[in-house]
Amino acid sequence: MSRRLAALVSAGGLLALGGCSPEPNPFLAVVLVDDRPTLVVANCALNRVESVTLWEIDRDASPAPATEPGPPPYPDWRVWAPVPPASRGALPASLPDAPARLELLGPPPPGWQAGADNSLREFREDREYHVFASSRTAAVDFTLARLRQLKAGEVLSAVNYDERVESEEDFQKRAGKFC
């Protein structure tokens, strides 16, 4: 086998081992505002986020199998921008942009809808939460205690699959590189 072919086979093997899906976009962060967890959406990605999903993680619970119908295995909360009906042959009108800040468990942003079966209604001190949005955004896991450790001007964000505490300004700059 020639060296060139061997290099191509090796590169293909590394790609297969590393997976072929791109890393999620770092468009979300979480911060406390008046002791309420609040999602911060990167300024450059406001028109890319069409939904937000939050759920309570119960590490002790055994989730229901994916084949079981019914409610999600954990309490959750969702909001989304509805897709307006398109005229025949026309593209749908633009969706309402995401707000720069969204109070988690709060009312939906103007023009957005809340899930009819939102079962998560309050935050608990002893639980961990997971929030993500559309557009392949990196998810952020948090606890109330973790958010209370943030200093003024800091946010809790995610880089790929890892948590990061950074200034909101640095978060906005980093996210801007992916828009």
C-alpha atoms as a PDB file:
ATOM      1  CA  MET A   1       0.000   0.000   0.000  1.00  0.00           C
ATOM      2  CA  SER A   2       1.439   3.377  -0.896  1.00  0.00           C
ATOM      3  CA  ARG A   3       2.193   5.971   1.766  1.00  0.00           C
ATOM      4  CA  ARG A   4      -0.506   8.288   0.397  1.00  0.00           C
ATOM      5  CA  LEU A   5      -3.171   5.560   0.615  1.00  0.00           C
ATOM      6  CA  ALA A   6      -2.027   4.628   4.132  1.00  0.00           C
ATOM      7  CA  ALA A   7      -2.294   8.279   5.196  1.00  0.00           C
ATOM      8  CA  LEU A   8      -5.814   8.515   3.770  1.00  0.00           C
ATOM      9  CA  VAL A   9      -6.900   5.309   5.525  1.00  0.00           C
ATOM     10  CA  SER A  10      -5.418   6.559   8.822  1.00  0.00           C
ATOM     11  CA  ALA A  11      -7.131   9.937   8.498  1.00  0.00           C
ATOM     12  CA  GLY A  12     -10.447   8.224   7.735  1.00  0.00           C
ATOM     13  CA  GLY A  13     -10.033   6.016  10.797  1.00  0.00           C
ATOM     14  CA  LEU A  14      -9.366   9.030  13.013  1.00  0.00           C
ATOM     15  CA  LEU A  15     -12.461  10.755  11.659  1.00  0.00           C
ATOM     16  CA  ALA A  16     -14.552   7.673  12.354  1.00  0.00           C
ATOM     17  CA  LEU A  17     -13.228   7.427  15.916  1.00  0.00           C
ATOM     18  CA  GLY A  18     -13.776  11.119  16.547  1.00  0.00           C
ATOM     19  CA  GLY A  19     -17.303  11.140  15.158  1.00  0.00           C
ATOM     20  CA  CYS A  20     -18.466  13.133  12.228  1.00  0.00           C
ATOM     21  CA  SER A  21     -20.838  15.604  13.843  1.00  0.00           C
ATOM     22  CA  PRO A  22     -19.561  19.101  14.517  1.00  0.00           C
ATOM     23  CA  GLU A  23     -19.276  20.432  18.039  1.00  0.00           C
ATOM     24  CA  PRO A  24     -22.329  22.338  19.287  1.00  0.00           C
ATOM     25  CA  ASN A  25     -22.389  26.117  18.910  1.00  0.00           C
ATOM     26  CA  PRO A  26     -21.580  28.123  22.080  1.00  0.00           C
ATOM     27  CA  PHE A  27     -24.625  30.405  21.840  1.00  0.00           C
ATOM     28  CA  LEU A  28     -26.048  29.970  25.375  1.00  0.00           C
ATOM     29  CA  ALA A  29     -25.062  30.941  28.890  1.00  0.00           C
ATOM     30  CA  VAL A  30     -26.913  31.058  32.206  1.00  0.00           C
ATOM     31  CA  VAL A  31     -26.810  33.697  34.929  1.00  0.00           C
ATOM     32  CA  LEU A  32     -28.900  34.652  37.966  1.00  0.00           C
ATOM     33  CA  VAL A  33     -31.005  37.804  37.645  1.00  0.00           C
ATOM     34  CA  ASP A  34     -32.802  38.717  40.870  1.00  0.00           C
ATOM     35  CA  ASP A  35     -32.127  35.131  42.067  1.00  0.00           C
ATOM     36  CA  ARG A  36     -33.897  33.679  38.987  1.00  0.00           C
ATOM     37  CA  PRO A  37     -31.981  31.526  36.486  1.00  0.00           C
ATOM     38  CA  THR A  38     -31.895  33.413  33.200  1.00  0.00           C
ATOM     39  CA  LEU A  39     -30.714  32.243  29.817  1.00  0.00           C
ATOM     40  CA  VAL A  40     -28.359  34.564  27.936  1.00  0.00           C
ATOM     41  CA  VAL A  41     -28.483  34.118  24.167  1.00  0.00           C
ATOM     42  CA  ALA A  42     -25.496  35.338  22.173  1.00  0.00           C
ATOM     43  CA  ASN A  43     -26.336  38.588  20.372  1.00  0.00           C
ATOM     44  CA  CYS A  44     -25.226  37.195  17.025  1.00  0.00           C
ATOM     45  CA  ALA A  45     -27.474  34.119  17.364  1.00  0.00           C
ATOM     46  CA  LEU A  46     -30.812  35.706  18.306  1.00  0.00           C
ATOM     47  CA  ASN A  47     -32.306  34.776  14.939  1.00  0.00           C
ATOM     48  CA  ARG A  48     -30.974  31.200  15.152  1.00  0.00           C
ATOM     49  CA  VAL A  49     -32.611  30.168  18.418  1.00  0.00           C
ATOM     50  CA  GLU A  50     -36.177  29.062  17.763  1.00  0.00           C
ATOM     51  CA  SER A  51     -36.825  27.042  20.914  1.00  0.00           C
ATOM     52  CA  VAL A  52     -35.553  26.561  24.458  1.00  0.00           C
ATOM     53  CA  THR A  53     -35.913  23.372  26.500  1.00  0.00           C
ATOM     54  CA  LEU A  54     -35.075  23.029  30.182  1.00  0.00           C
ATOM     55  CA  TRP A  55     -35.360  19.938  32.313  1.00  0.00           C
ATOM     56  CA  GLU A  56     -34.605  18.830  35.817  1.00  0.00           C
ATOM     57  CA  ILE A  57     -31.999  16.109  36.051  1.00  0.00           C
ATOM     58  CA  ASP A  58     -32.638  13.426  38.631  1.00  0.00           C
ATOM     59  CA  ARG A  59     -29.491  11.336  38.720  1.00  0.00           C
ATOM     60  CA  ASP A  60     -31.215   8.776  40.982  1.00  0.00           C
ATOM     61  CA  ALA A  61     -34.198   8.216  38.669  1.00  0.00           C
ATOM     62  CA  SER A  62     -34.282   5.652  35.939  1.00  0.00           C
ATOM     63  CA  PRO A  63     -35.620   7.290  32.771  1.00  0.00           C
ATOM     64  CA  ALA A  64     -38.462   5.631  30.920  1.00  0.00           C
ATOM     65  CA  PRO A  65     -37.408   3.696  27.818  1.00  0.00           C
ATOM     66  CA  ALA A  66     -37.559   5.770  24.642  1.00  0.00           C
ATOM     67  CA  THR A  67     -40.231   3.464  23.232  1.00  0.00           C
ATOM     68  CA  GLU A  68     -42.676   4.232  26.056  1.00  0.00           C
ATOM     69  CA  PRO A  69     -45.288   6.841  25.162  1.00  0.00           C
ATOM     70  CA  GLY A  70     -46.166   9.513  27.657  1.00  0.00           C
ATOM     71  CA  PRO A  71     -44.571  12.450  29.407  1.00  0.00           C
ATOM     72  CA  PRO A  72     -40.807  12.953  29.423  1.00  0.00           C
ATOM     73  CA  PRO A  73     -38.939  11.056  32.155  1.00  0.00           C
ATOM     74  CA  TYR A  74     -37.995  14.295  33.918  1.00  0.00           C
ATOM     75  CA  PRO A  75     -39.965  17.484  34.613  1.00  0.00           C
ATOM     76  CA  ASP A  76     -39.403  19.878  31.726  1.00  0.00           C
ATOM     77  CA  TRP A  77     -40.247  23.380  30.455  1.00  0.00           C
ATOM     78  CA  ARG A  78     -40.273  24.520  26.819  1.00  0.00           C
ATOM     79  CA  VAL A  79     -40.866  27.683  24.834  1.00  0.00           C
ATOM     80  CA  TRP A  80     -40.640  28.180  21.088  1.00  0.00           C
ATOM     81  CA  ALA A  81     -41.206  30.619  18.293  1.00  0.00           C
ATOM     82  CA  PRO A  82     -44.143  29.369  16.230  1.00  0.00           C
ATOM     83  CA  VAL A  83     -43.765  28.909  12.498  1.00  0.00           C
ATOM     84  CA  PRO A  84     -46.387  31.087  10.824  1.00  0.00           C
ATOM     85  CA  PRO A  85     -48.315  29.442   7.998  1.00  0.00           C
ATOM     86  CA  ALA A  86     -46.856  30.152   4.581  1.00  0.00           C
ATOM     87  CA  SER A  87     -48.923  31.405   1.693  1.00  0.00           C
ATOM     88  CA  ARG A  88     -49.133  28.954  -1.160  1.00  0.00           C
ATOM     89  CA  GLY A  89     -45.780  28.861  -2.905  1.00  0.00           C
ATOM     90  CA  ALA A  90     -44.213  31.413  -0.525  1.00  0.00           C
ATOM     91  CA  LEU A  91     -41.551  30.920   2.095  1.00  0.00           C
ATOM     92  CA  PRO A  92     -42.703  31.205   5.711  1.00  0.00           C
ATOM     93  CA  ALA A  93     -42.416  34.647   7.268  1.00  0.00           C
ATOM     94  CA  SER A  94     -39.500  35.153   9.627  1.00  0.00           C
ATOM     95  CA  LEU A  95     -39.940  33.876  13.164  1.00  0.00           C
ATOM     96  CA  PRO A  96     -39.755  36.210  16.144  1.00  0.00           C
ATOM     97  CA  ASP A  97     -36.124  36.375  17.269  1.00  0.00           C
ATOM     98  CA  ALA A  98     -35.100  34.990  20.633  1.00  0.00           C
ATOM     99  CA  PRO A  99     -34.651  37.580  23.362  1.00  0.00           C
ATOM    100  CA  ALA A 100     -31.121  38.346  24.530  1.00  0.00           C
ATOM    101  CA  ARG A 101     -32.218  37.221  28.013  1.00  0.00           C
ATOM    102  CA  LEU A 102     -34.946  34.732  28.827  1.00  0.00           C
ATOM    103  CA  GLU A 103     -36.073  34.047  32.386  1.00  0.00           C
ATOM    104  CA  LEU A 104     -36.201  30.276  32.715  1.00  0.00           C
ATOM    105  CA  LEU A 105     -39.629  29.164  33.973  1.00  0.00           C
ATOM    106  CA  GLY A 106     -40.876  32.684  33.208  1.00  0.00           C
ATOM    107  CA  PRO A 107     -43.450  33.749  30.652  1.00  0.00           C
ATOM    108  CA  PRO A 108     -42.631  33.099  26.993  1.00  0.00           C
ATOM    109  CA  PRO A 109     -41.065  35.967  25.030  1.00  0.00           C
ATOM    110  CA  PRO A 110     -43.431  38.110  22.929  1.00  0.00           C
ATOM    111  CA  GLY A 111     -44.553  36.100  19.899  1.00  0.00           C
ATOM    112  CA  TRP A 112     -43.378  32.798  21.399  1.00  0.00           C
ATOM    113  CA  GLN A 113     -45.429  29.958  22.887  1.00  0.00           C
ATOM    114  CA  ALA A 114     -45.065  27.974  26.108  1.00  0.00           C
ATOM    115  CA  GLY A 115     -45.469  24.214  26.177  1.00  0.00           C
ATOM    116  CA  ALA A 116     -48.981  23.159  27.168  1.00  0.00           C
ATOM    117  CA  ASP A 117     -47.600  20.323  29.271  1.00  0.00           C
ATOM    118  CA  ASN A 118     -44.728  22.149  30.984  1.00  0.00           C
ATOM    119  CA  SER A 119     -44.269  20.065  34.121  1.00  0.00           C
ATOM    120  CA  LEU A 120     -41.290  21.968  35.566  1.00  0.00           C
ATOM    121  CA  ARG A 121     -42.660  24.931  37.513  1.00  0.00           C
ATOM    122  CA  GLU A 122     -40.033  25.772  40.130  1.00  0.00           C
ATOM    123  CA  PHE A 123     -36.326  25.369  40.780  1.00  0.00           C
ATOM    124  CA  ARG A 124     -35.173  23.269  43.717  1.00  0.00           C
ATOM    125  CA  GLU A 125     -31.913  23.655  45.599  1.00  0.00           C
ATOM    126  CA  ASP A 126     -31.113  19.941  45.496  1.00  0.00           C
ATOM    127  CA  ARG A 127     -31.474  19.468  41.740  1.00  0.00           C
ATOM    128  CA  GLU A 128     -29.388  19.955  38.633  1.00  0.00           C
ATOM    129  CA  TYR A 129     -30.870  21.457  35.462  1.00  0.00           C
ATOM    130  CA  HIS A 130     -30.071  21.093  31.766  1.00  0.00           C
ATOM    131  CA  VAL A 131     -30.950  23.795  29.215  1.00  0.00           C
ATOM    132  CA  PHE A 132     -30.462  23.772  25.464  1.00  0.00           C
ATOM    133  CA  ALA A 133     -31.924  25.432  22.412  1.00  0.00           C
ATOM    134  CA  SER A 134     -32.351  24.861  18.717  1.00  0.00           C
ATOM    135  CA  SER A 135     -29.531  25.390  16.212  1.00  0.00           C
ATOM    136  CA  ARG A 136     -27.214  22.775  17.717  1.00  0.00           C
ATOM    137  CA  THR A 137     -26.384  24.943  20.698  1.00  0.00           C
ATOM    138  CA  ALA A 138     -24.145  23.677  23.449  1.00  0.00           C
ATOM    139  CA  ALA A 139     -26.222  22.704  26.466  1.00  0.00           C
ATOM    140  CA  VAL A 140     -25.555  24.179  29.889  1.00  0.00           C
ATOM    141  CA  ASP A 141     -26.025  22.165  33.093  1.00  0.00           C
ATOM    142  CA  PHE A 142     -26.382  24.129  36.308  1.00  0.00           C
ATOM    143  CA  THR A 143     -27.530  24.177  39.902  1.00  0.00           C
ATOM    144  CA  LEU A 144     -28.773  27.176  41.828  1.00  0.00           C
ATOM    145  CA  ALA A 145     -25.712  26.925  44.087  1.00  0.00           C
ATOM    146  CA  ARG A 146     -23.383  26.990  41.055  1.00  0.00           C
ATOM    147  CA  LEU A 147     -25.086  30.094  39.646  1.00  0.00           C
ATOM    148  CA  ARG A 148     -24.823  31.842  43.017  1.00  0.00           C
ATOM    149  CA  GLN A 149     -21.033  31.405  42.872  1.00  0.00           C
ATOM    150  CA  LEU A 150     -20.791  33.591  39.768  1.00  0.00           C
ATOM    151  CA  LYS A 151     -19.330  37.043  40.258  1.00  0.00           C
ATOM    152  CA  ALA A 152     -20.987  40.158  38.846  1.00  0.00           C
ATOM    153  CA  GLY A 153     -20.599  40.163  35.052  1.00  0.00           C
ATOM    154  CA  GLU A 154     -19.859  36.424  34.816  1.00  0.00           C
ATOM    155  CA  VAL A 155     -21.949  33.772  33.075  1.00  0.00           C
ATOM    156  CA  LEU A 156     -21.922  29.982  33.076  1.00  0.00           C
ATOM    157  CA  SER A 157     -21.577  28.725  29.512  1.00  0.00           C
ATOM    158  CA  ALA A 158     -20.462  25.634  27.671  1.00  0.00           C
ATOM    159  CA  VAL A 159     -17.619  25.066  25.254  1.00  0.00           C
ATOM    160  CA  ASN A 160     -18.330  21.911  23.303  1.00  0.00           C
ATOM    161  CA  TYR A 161     -19.435  19.690  26.174  1.00  0.00           C
ATOM    162  CA  ASP A 162     -17.518  21.369  29.002  1.00  0.00           C
ATOM    163  CA  GLU A 163     -18.705  24.011  31.454  1.00  0.00           C
ATOM    164  CA  ARG A 164     -17.004  27.406  31.466  1.00  0.00           C
ATOM    165  CA  VAL A 165     -17.283  30.458  33.713  1.00  0.00           C
ATOM    166  CA  GLU A 166     -16.380  33.617  31.835  1.00  0.00           C
ATOM    167  CA  SER A 167     -17.310  37.254  31.567  1.00  0.00           C
ATOM    168  CA  GLU A 168     -20.409  37.971  29.543  1.00  0.00           C
ATOM    169  CA  GLU A 169     -18.260  40.075  27.226  1.00  0.00           C
ATOM    170  CA  ASP A 170     -15.914  37.122  26.552  1.00  0.00           C
ATOM    171  CA  PHE A 171     -18.937  34.849  26.013  1.00  0.00           C
ATOM    172  CA  GLN A 172     -20.356  37.237  23.395  1.00  0.00           C
ATOM    173  CA  LYS A 173     -16.977  37.500  21.610  1.00  0.00           C
ATOM    174  CA  ARG A 174     -16.462  33.740  21.570  1.00  0.00           C
ATOM    175  CA  ALA A 175     -19.989  33.074  20.291  1.00  0.00           C
ATOM    176  CA  GLY A 176     -19.527  35.690  17.593  1.00  0.00           C
ATOM    177  CA  LYS A 177     -16.778  33.609  16.039  1.00  0.00           C
ATOM    178  CA  PHE A 178     -19.348  30.870  15.324  1.00  0.00           C
ATOM    179  CA  CYS A 179     -22.070  33.072  13.789  1.00  0.00           C
END
